[in-house]
Amino acid sequence: AALKDRRVVVSTVLPRFSIDYTLSVVLTDLNGNVKEGESYEQVMKLTDYFEENGTFHEDWFMDDVDHVISIIGSKVKAQ
């Protein structure tokens, strides 16, 4: 019920030639308004998800994405 009448807005930023990947998760009401504490942004280093041989580990990456989602979820439950 905490997410009823809300929207989840996910945005990402990966500048060209950068290893910094920014993931933002924001909860808005149906009018697009954001309440204090209902947004979270995390900068992740892409090099953390690759092995020396170039293998990308999607599971490592998704673990961090899930962590960001759980943070915003726990903020909503606390309200």
PDB file of N, CA and C in Angstrom:
ATOM      1  N   ALA A   1       0.815  -1.199   0.000  1.00  0.00           N
ATOM      2  CA  ALA A   1       0.000   0.000   0.000  1.00  0.00           C
ATOM      3  C   ALA A   1       0.858   1.262   0.000  1.00  0.00           C
ATOM      4  N   ALA A   2       2.130   1.139   0.375  1.00  0.00           N
ATOM      5  CA  ALA A   2       2.999   2.318   0.448  1.00  0.00           C
ATOM      6  C   ALA A   2       3.280   2.916  -0.927  1.00  0.00           C
ATOM      7  N   LEU A   3       3.184   2.112  -1.970  1.00  0.00           N
ATOM      8  CA  LEU A   3       3.476   2.611  -3.308  1.00  0.00           C
ATOM      9  C   LEU A   3       2.211   2.912  -4.118  1.00  0.00           C
ATOM     10  N   LYS A   4       1.058   2.810  -3.479  1.00  0.00           N
ATOM     11  CA  LYS A   4      -0.184   3.114  -4.181  1.00  0.00           C
ATOM     12  C   LYS A   4      -0.191   4.584  -4.579  1.00  0.00           C
ATOM     13  N   ASP A   5      -0.615   4.860  -5.771  1.00  0.00           N
ATOM     14  CA  ASP A   5      -0.684   6.229  -6.295  1.00  0.00           C
ATOM     15  C   ASP A   5       0.691   6.888  -6.417  1.00  0.00           C
ATOM     16  N   ARG A   6       1.719   6.105  -6.681  1.00  0.00           N
ATOM     17  CA  ARG A   6       3.065   6.652  -6.870  1.00  0.00           C
ATOM     18  C   ARG A   6       3.663   6.091  -8.144  1.00  0.00           C
ATOM     19  N   ARG A   7       4.675   6.779  -8.625  1.00  0.00           N
ATOM     20  CA  ARG A   7       5.435   6.333  -9.785  1.00  0.00           C
ATOM     21  C   ARG A   7       6.899   6.205  -9.378  1.00  0.00           C
ATOM     22  N   VAL A   8       7.559   5.256  -9.982  1.00  0.00           N
ATOM     23  CA  VAL A   8       8.994   5.077  -9.758  1.00  0.00           C
ATOM     24  C   VAL A   8       9.700   5.582 -11.011  1.00  0.00           C
ATOM     25  N   VAL A   9      10.599   6.545 -10.817  1.00  0.00           N
ATOM     26  CA  VAL A   9      11.358   7.111 -11.925  1.00  0.00           C
ATOM     27  C   VAL A   9      12.811   6.682 -11.758  1.00  0.00           C
ATOM     28  N   VAL A  10      13.321   5.978 -12.743  1.00  0.00           N
ATOM     29  CA  VAL A  10      14.699   5.502 -12.713  1.00  0.00           C
ATOM     30  C   VAL A  10      15.459   6.222 -13.815  1.00  0.00           C
ATOM     31  N   SER A  11      16.592   6.794 -13.458  1.00  0.00           N
ATOM     32  CA  SER A  11      17.420   7.426 -14.481  1.00  0.00           C
ATOM     33  C   SER A  11      18.866   7.025 -14.271  1.00  0.00           C
ATOM     34  N   THR A  12      19.608   7.027 -15.359  1.00  0.00           N
ATOM     35  CA  THR A  12      21.018   6.661 -15.310  1.00  0.00           C
ATOM     36  C   THR A  12      21.831   7.675 -16.104  1.00  0.00           C
ATOM     37  N   VAL A  13      23.075   7.813 -15.686  1.00  0.00           N
ATOM     38  CA  VAL A  13      24.000   8.689 -16.397  1.00  0.00           C
ATOM     39  C   VAL A  13      25.328   7.952 -16.530  1.00  0.00           C
ATOM     40  N   LEU A  14      25.828   7.889 -17.740  1.00  0.00           N
ATOM     41  CA  LEU A  14      27.146   7.319 -18.002  1.00  0.00           C
ATOM     42  C   LEU A  14      27.840   8.224 -19.006  1.00  0.00           C
ATOM     43  N   PRO A  15      28.611   9.188 -18.499  1.00  0.00           N
ATOM     44  CA  PRO A  15      29.308  10.091 -19.421  1.00  0.00           C
ATOM     45  C   PRO A  15      30.301   9.323 -20.302  1.00  0.00           C
ATOM     46  N   ARG A  16      30.500   9.827 -21.486  1.00  0.00           N
ATOM     47  CA  ARG A  16      31.437   9.206 -22.425  1.00  0.00           C
ATOM     48  C   ARG A  16      32.836   9.148 -21.808  1.00  0.00           C
ATOM     49  N   PHE A  17      33.491   8.023 -21.954  1.00  0.00           N
ATOM     50  CA  PHE A  17      34.856   7.778 -21.468  1.00  0.00           C
ATOM     51  C   PHE A  17      34.955   7.809 -19.945  1.00  0.00           C
ATOM     52  N   SER A  18      33.863   7.610 -19.247  1.00  0.00           N
ATOM     53  CA  SER A  18      33.866   7.627 -17.783  1.00  0.00           C
ATOM     54  C   SER A  18      33.620   6.225 -17.248  1.00  0.00           C
ATOM     55  N   ILE A  19      34.158   5.945 -16.070  1.00  0.00           N
ATOM     56  CA  ILE A  19      33.856   4.683 -15.401  1.00  0.00           C
ATOM     57  C   ILE A  19      32.772   4.884 -14.348  1.00  0.00           C
ATOM     58  N   ASP A  20      32.336   6.130 -14.151  1.00  0.00           N
ATOM     59  CA  ASP A  20      31.306   6.431 -13.158  1.00  0.00           C
ATOM     60  C   ASP A  20      29.917   6.305 -13.772  1.00  0.00           C
ATOM     61  N   TYR A  21      29.138   5.398 -13.219  1.00  0.00           N
ATOM     62  CA  TYR A  21      27.763   5.152 -13.649  1.00  0.00           C
ATOM     63  C   TYR A  21      26.853   5.614 -12.521  1.00  0.00           C
ATOM     64  N   THR A  22      25.980   6.565 -12.792  1.00  0.00           N
ATOM     65  CA  THR A  22      25.096   7.090 -11.760  1.00  0.00           C
ATOM     66  C   THR A  22      23.692   6.534 -11.956  1.00  0.00           C
ATOM     67  N   LEU A  23      23.170   5.956 -10.891  1.00  0.00           N
ATOM     68  CA  LEU A  23      21.825   5.402 -10.883  1.00  0.00           C
ATOM     69  C   LEU A  23      20.987   6.208  -9.906  1.00  0.00           C
ATOM     70  N   SER A  24      19.865   6.731 -10.380  1.00  0.00           N
ATOM     71  CA  SER A  24      18.954   7.502  -9.528  1.00  0.00           C
ATOM     72  C   SER A  24      17.587   6.839  -9.531  1.00  0.00           C
ATOM     73  N   VAL A  25      17.003   6.723  -8.340  1.00  0.00           N
ATOM     74  CA  VAL A  25      15.656   6.200  -8.189  1.00  0.00           C
ATOM     75  C   VAL A  25      14.864   7.231  -7.400  1.00  0.00           C
ATOM     76  N   VAL A  26      13.725   7.642  -7.967  1.00  0.00           N
ATOM     77  CA  VAL A  26      12.895   8.672  -7.340  1.00  0.00           C
ATOM     78  C   VAL A  26      11.451   8.185  -7.335  1.00  0.00           C
ATOM     79  N   LEU A  27      10.780   8.367  -6.195  1.00  0.00           N
ATOM     80  CA  LEU A  27       9.350   8.102  -6.119  1.00  0.00           C
ATOM     81  C   LEU A  27       8.610   9.422  -6.238  1.00  0.00           C
ATOM     82  N   THR A  28       7.601   9.466  -7.086  1.00  0.00           N
ATOM     83  CA  THR A  28       6.800  10.680  -7.231  1.00  0.00           C
ATOM     84  C   THR A  28       5.329  10.330  -7.008  1.00  0.00           C
ATOM     85  N   ASP A  29       4.547  11.363  -6.707  1.00  0.00           N
ATOM     86  CA  ASP A  29       3.105  11.140  -6.718  1.00  0.00           C
ATOM     87  C   ASP A  29       2.648  11.203  -8.173  1.00  0.00           C
ATOM     88  N   LEU A  30       1.371  11.073  -8.394  1.00  0.00           N
ATOM     89  CA  LEU A  30       0.876  11.031  -9.775  1.00  0.00           C
ATOM     90  C   LEU A  30       1.051  12.361 -10.501  1.00  0.00           C
ATOM     91  N   ASN A  31       1.304  13.439  -9.754  1.00  0.00           N
ATOM     92  CA  ASN A  31       1.535  14.752 -10.361  1.00  0.00           C
ATOM     93  C   ASN A  31       3.015  15.032 -10.608  1.00  0.00           C
ATOM     94  N   GLY A  32       3.885  14.087 -10.242  1.00  0.00           N
ATOM     95  CA  GLY A  32       5.314  14.264 -10.456  1.00  0.00           C
ATOM     96  C   GLY A  32       6.048  14.919  -9.306  1.00  0.00           C
ATOM     97  N   ASN A  33       5.357  15.137  -8.178  1.00  0.00           N
ATOM     98  CA  ASN A  33       5.999  15.753  -7.010  1.00  0.00           C
ATOM     99  C   ASN A  33       6.786  14.726  -6.221  1.00  0.00           C
ATOM    100  N   VAL A  34       7.934  15.135  -5.715  1.00  0.00           N
ATOM    101  CA  VAL A  34       8.800  14.258  -4.934  1.00  0.00           C
ATOM    102  C   VAL A  34       8.805  14.729  -3.486  1.00  0.00           C
ATOM    103  N   LYS A  35       8.525  13.800  -2.567  1.00  0.00           N
ATOM    104  CA  LYS A  35       8.593  14.122  -1.147  1.00  0.00           C
ATOM    105  C   LYS A  35      10.029  13.969  -0.671  1.00  0.00           C
ATOM    106  N   GLU A  36      10.379  14.698   0.362  1.00  0.00           N
ATOM    107  CA  GLU A  36      11.730  14.607   0.921  1.00  0.00           C
ATOM    108  C   GLU A  36      12.005  13.170   1.365  1.00  0.00           C
ATOM    109  N   GLY A  37      13.185  12.696   1.043  1.00  0.00           N
ATOM    110  CA  GLY A  37      13.578  11.351   1.435  1.00  0.00           C
ATOM    111  C   GLY A  37      13.125  10.258   0.495  1.00  0.00           C
ATOM    112  N   GLU A  38      12.455  10.610  -0.597  1.00  0.00           N
ATOM    113  CA  GLU A  38      11.965   9.594  -1.521  1.00  0.00           C
ATOM    114  C   GLU A  38      12.755   9.578  -2.822  1.00  0.00           C
ATOM    115  N   SER A  39      14.032   9.889  -2.697  1.00  0.00           N
ATOM    116  CA  SER A  39      14.922   9.772  -3.848  1.00  0.00           C
ATOM    117  C   SER A  39      16.275   9.291  -3.348  1.00  0.00           C
ATOM    118  N   TYR A  40      16.977   8.621  -4.221  1.00  0.00           N
ATOM    119  CA  TYR A  40      18.293   8.109  -3.855  1.00  0.00           C
ATOM    120  C   TYR A  40      19.140   8.034  -5.117  1.00  0.00           C
ATOM    121  N   GLU A  41      20.397   8.394  -4.971  1.00  0.00           N
ATOM    122  CA  GLU A  41      21.327   8.365  -6.097  1.00  0.00           C
ATOM    123  C   GLU A  41      22.613   7.699  -5.646  1.00  0.00           C
ATOM    124  N   GLN A  42      23.140   6.848  -6.483  1.00  0.00           N
ATOM    125  CA  GLN A  42      24.399   6.174  -6.171  1.00  0.00           C
ATOM    126  C   GLN A  42      25.289   6.180  -7.404  1.00  0.00           C
ATOM    127  N   VAL A  43      26.561   6.500  -7.187  1.00  0.00           N
ATOM    128  CA  VAL A  43      27.554   6.441  -8.257  1.00  0.00           C
ATOM    129  C   VAL A  43      28.315   5.125  -8.098  1.00  0.00           C
ATOM    130  N   MET A  44      28.334   4.364  -9.180  1.00  0.00           N
ATOM    131  CA  MET A  44      28.999   3.076  -9.163  1.00  0.00           C
ATOM    132  C   MET A  44      30.158   3.098 -10.157  1.00  0.00           C
ATOM    133  N   LYS A  45      31.227   2.449  -9.832  1.00  0.00           N
ATOM    134  CA  LYS A  45      32.385   2.334 -10.718  1.00  0.00           C
ATOM    135  C   LYS A  45      32.219   1.096 -11.595  1.00  0.00           C
ATOM    136  N   LEU A  46      32.166   1.310 -12.898  1.00  0.00           N
ATOM    137  CA  LEU A  46      31.974   0.179 -13.810  1.00  0.00           C
ATOM    138  C   LEU A  46      33.083  -0.849 -13.705  1.00  0.00           C
ATOM    139  N   THR A  47      34.264  -0.429 -13.331  1.00  0.00           N
ATOM    140  CA  THR A  47      35.381  -1.371 -13.217  1.00  0.00           C
ATOM    141  C   THR A  47      35.137  -2.417 -12.129  1.00  0.00           C
ATOM    142  N   ASP A  48      34.198  -2.161 -11.215  1.00  0.00           N
ATOM    143  CA  ASP A  48      33.885  -3.132 -10.164  1.00  0.00           C
ATOM    144  C   ASP A  48      33.150  -4.354 -10.695  1.00  0.00           C
ATOM    145  N   TYR A  49      32.653  -4.275 -11.924  1.00  0.00           N
ATOM    146  CA  TYR A  49      31.811  -5.343 -12.468  1.00  0.00           C
ATOM    147  C   TYR A  49      32.490  -6.138 -13.579  1.00  0.00           C
ATOM    148  N   PHE A  50      33.749  -5.855 -13.841  1.00  0.00           N
ATOM    149  CA  PHE A  50      34.493  -6.555 -14.879  1.00  0.00           C
ATOM    150  C   PHE A  50      35.706  -7.258 -14.292  1.00  0.00           C
ATOM    151  N   GLU A  51      35.988  -8.444 -14.813  1.00  0.00           N
ATOM    152  CA  GLU A  51      37.223  -9.145 -14.467  1.00  0.00           C
ATOM    153  C   GLU A  51      38.340  -8.633 -15.376  1.00  0.00           C
ATOM    154  N   GLU A  52      39.554  -9.005 -15.051  1.00  0.00           N
ATOM    155  CA  GLU A  52      40.717  -8.581 -15.836  1.00  0.00           C
ATOM    156  C   GLU A  52      40.615  -9.002 -17.299  1.00  0.00           C
ATOM    157  N   ASN A  53      39.957 -10.151 -17.553  1.00  0.00           N
ATOM    158  CA  ASN A  53      39.841 -10.644 -18.928  1.00  0.00           C
ATOM    159  C   ASN A  53      38.683  -9.991 -19.696  1.00  0.00           C
ATOM    160  N   GLY A  54      37.974  -9.043 -19.061  1.00  0.00           N
ATOM    161  CA  GLY A  54      36.890  -8.324 -19.726  1.00  0.00           C
ATOM    162  C   GLY A  54      35.504  -8.899 -19.513  1.00  0.00           C
ATOM    163  N   THR A  55      35.401  -9.945 -18.717  1.00  0.00           N
ATOM    164  CA  THR A  55      34.101 -10.549 -18.451  1.00  0.00           C
ATOM    165  C   THR A  55      33.265  -9.637 -17.563  1.00  0.00           C
ATOM    166  N   PHE A  56      32.062  -9.296 -18.038  1.00  0.00           N
ATOM    167  CA  PHE A  56      31.132  -8.476 -17.268  1.00  0.00           C
ATOM    168  C   PHE A  56      30.290  -9.380 -16.385  1.00  0.00           C
ATOM    169  N   HIS A  57      30.171  -9.032 -15.118  1.00  0.00           N
ATOM    170  CA  HIS A  57      29.377  -9.812 -14.170  1.00  0.00           C
ATOM    171  C   HIS A  57      28.079  -9.082 -13.868  1.00  0.00           C
ATOM    172  N   GLU A  58      27.060  -9.430 -14.641  1.00  0.00           N
ATOM    173  CA  GLU A  58      25.765  -8.785 -14.480  1.00  0.00           C
ATOM    174  C   GLU A  58      25.197  -9.011 -13.080  1.00  0.00           C
ATOM    175  N   ASP A  59      25.457 -10.173 -12.492  1.00  0.00           N
ATOM    176  CA  ASP A  59      24.931 -10.452 -11.156  1.00  0.00           C
ATOM    177  C   ASP A  59      25.515  -9.498 -10.115  1.00  0.00           C
ATOM    178  N   TRP A  60      26.785  -9.156 -10.218  1.00  0.00           N
ATOM    179  CA  TRP A  60      27.390  -8.189  -9.291  1.00  0.00           C
ATOM    180  C   TRP A  60      26.734  -6.823  -9.460  1.00  0.00           C
ATOM    181  N   PHE A  61      26.539  -6.440 -10.714  1.00  0.00           N
ATOM    182  CA  PHE A  61      25.909  -5.160 -11.025  1.00  0.00           C
ATOM    183  C   PHE A  61      24.470  -5.127 -10.495  1.00  0.00           C
ATOM    184  N   MET A  62      23.721  -6.186 -10.751  1.00  0.00           N
ATOM    185  CA  MET A  62      22.321  -6.227 -10.315  1.00  0.00           C
ATOM    186  C   MET A  62      22.199  -6.255  -8.798  1.00  0.00           C
ATOM    187  N   ASP A  63      23.183  -6.836  -8.109  1.00  0.00           N
ATOM    188  CA  ASP A  63      23.181  -6.787  -6.645  1.00  0.00           C
ATOM    189  C   ASP A  63      23.209  -5.335  -6.167  1.00  0.00           C
ATOM    190  N   ASP A  64      24.017  -4.512  -6.797  1.00  0.00           N
ATOM    191  CA  ASP A  64      24.099  -3.100  -6.413  1.00  0.00           C
ATOM    192  C   ASP A  64      22.838  -2.337  -6.810  1.00  0.00           C
ATOM    193  N   VAL A  65      22.259  -2.662  -7.958  1.00  0.00           N
ATOM    194  CA  VAL A  65      20.996  -2.035  -8.369  1.00  0.00           C
ATOM    195  C   VAL A  65      19.893  -2.414  -7.382  1.00  0.00           C
ATOM    196  N   ASP A  66      19.826  -3.682  -7.006  1.00  0.00           N
ATOM    197  CA  ASP A  66      18.833  -4.124  -6.021  1.00  0.00           C
ATOM    198  C   ASP A  66      19.024  -3.409  -4.689  1.00  0.00           C
ATOM    199  N   HIS A  67      20.264  -3.156  -4.320  1.00  0.00           N
ATOM    200  CA  HIS A  67      20.554  -2.435  -3.069  1.00  0.00           C
ATOM    201  C   HIS A  67      19.979  -1.027  -3.115  1.00  0.00           C
ATOM    202  N   VAL A  68      20.157  -0.328  -4.224  1.00  0.00           N
ATOM    203  CA  VAL A  68      19.603   1.021  -4.377  1.00  0.00           C
ATOM    204  C   VAL A  68      18.081   0.979  -4.269  1.00  0.00           C
ATOM    205  N   ILE A  69      17.459   0.015  -4.906  1.00  0.00           N
ATOM    206  CA  ILE A  69      15.999  -0.115  -4.854  1.00  0.00           C
ATOM    207  C   ILE A  69      15.538  -0.402  -3.432  1.00  0.00           C
ATOM    208  N   SER A  70      16.252  -1.244  -2.713  1.00  0.00           N
ATOM    209  CA  SER A  70      15.860  -1.560  -1.334  1.00  0.00           C
ATOM    210  C   SER A  70      16.010  -0.347  -0.416  1.00  0.00           C
ATOM    211  N   ILE A  71      16.989   0.507  -0.678  1.00  0.00           N
ATOM    212  CA  ILE A  71      17.158   1.715   0.131  1.00  0.00           C
ATOM    213  C   ILE A  71      15.944   2.622  -0.019  1.00  0.00           C
ATOM    214  N   ILE A  72      15.516   2.868  -1.244  1.00  0.00           N
ATOM    215  CA  ILE A  72      14.353   3.735  -1.447  1.00  0.00           C
ATOM    216  C   ILE A  72      13.106   3.075  -0.885  1.00  0.00           C
ATOM    217  N   GLY A  73      13.010   1.764  -0.997  1.00  0.00           N
ATOM    218  CA  GLY A  73      11.865   1.042  -0.433  1.00  0.00           C
ATOM    219  C   GLY A  73      11.813   1.145   1.076  1.00  0.00           C
ATOM    220  N   SER A  74      12.958   1.036   1.733  1.00  0.00           N
ATOM    221  CA  SER A  74      12.974   1.140   3.196  1.00  0.00           C
ATOM    222  C   SER A  74      12.677   2.562   3.659  1.00  0.00           C
ATOM    223  N   LYS A  75      13.047   3.562   2.858  1.00  0.00           N
ATOM    224  CA  LYS A  75      12.717   4.946   3.207  1.00  0.00           C
ATOM    225  C   LYS A  75      11.209   5.156   3.176  1.00  0.00           C
ATOM    226  N   VAL A  76      10.542   4.566   2.204  1.00  0.00           N
ATOM    227  CA  VAL A  76       9.086   4.710   2.088  1.00  0.00           C
ATOM    228  C   VAL A  76       8.386   3.985   3.233  1.00  0.00           C
ATOM    229  N   LYS A  77       8.841   2.794   3.555  1.00  0.00           N
ATOM    230  CA  LYS A  77       8.224   2.031   4.647  1.00  0.00           C
ATOM    231  C   LYS A  77       8.382   2.738   5.981  1.00  0.00           C
ATOM    232  N   ALA A  78       9.478   3.472   6.154  1.00  0.00           N
ATOM    233  CA  ALA A  78       9.740   4.160   7.414  1.00  0.00           C
ATOM    234  C   ALA A  78       8.828   5.367   7.615  1.00  0.00           C
ATOM    235  N   GLN A  79       8.210   5.830   6.549  1.00  0.00           N
ATOM    236  CA  GLN A  79       7.364   7.035   6.665  1.00  0.00           C
ATOM    237  C   GLN A  79       5.971   6.695   7.127  1.00  0.00           C
TER     238      GLN A  79
END
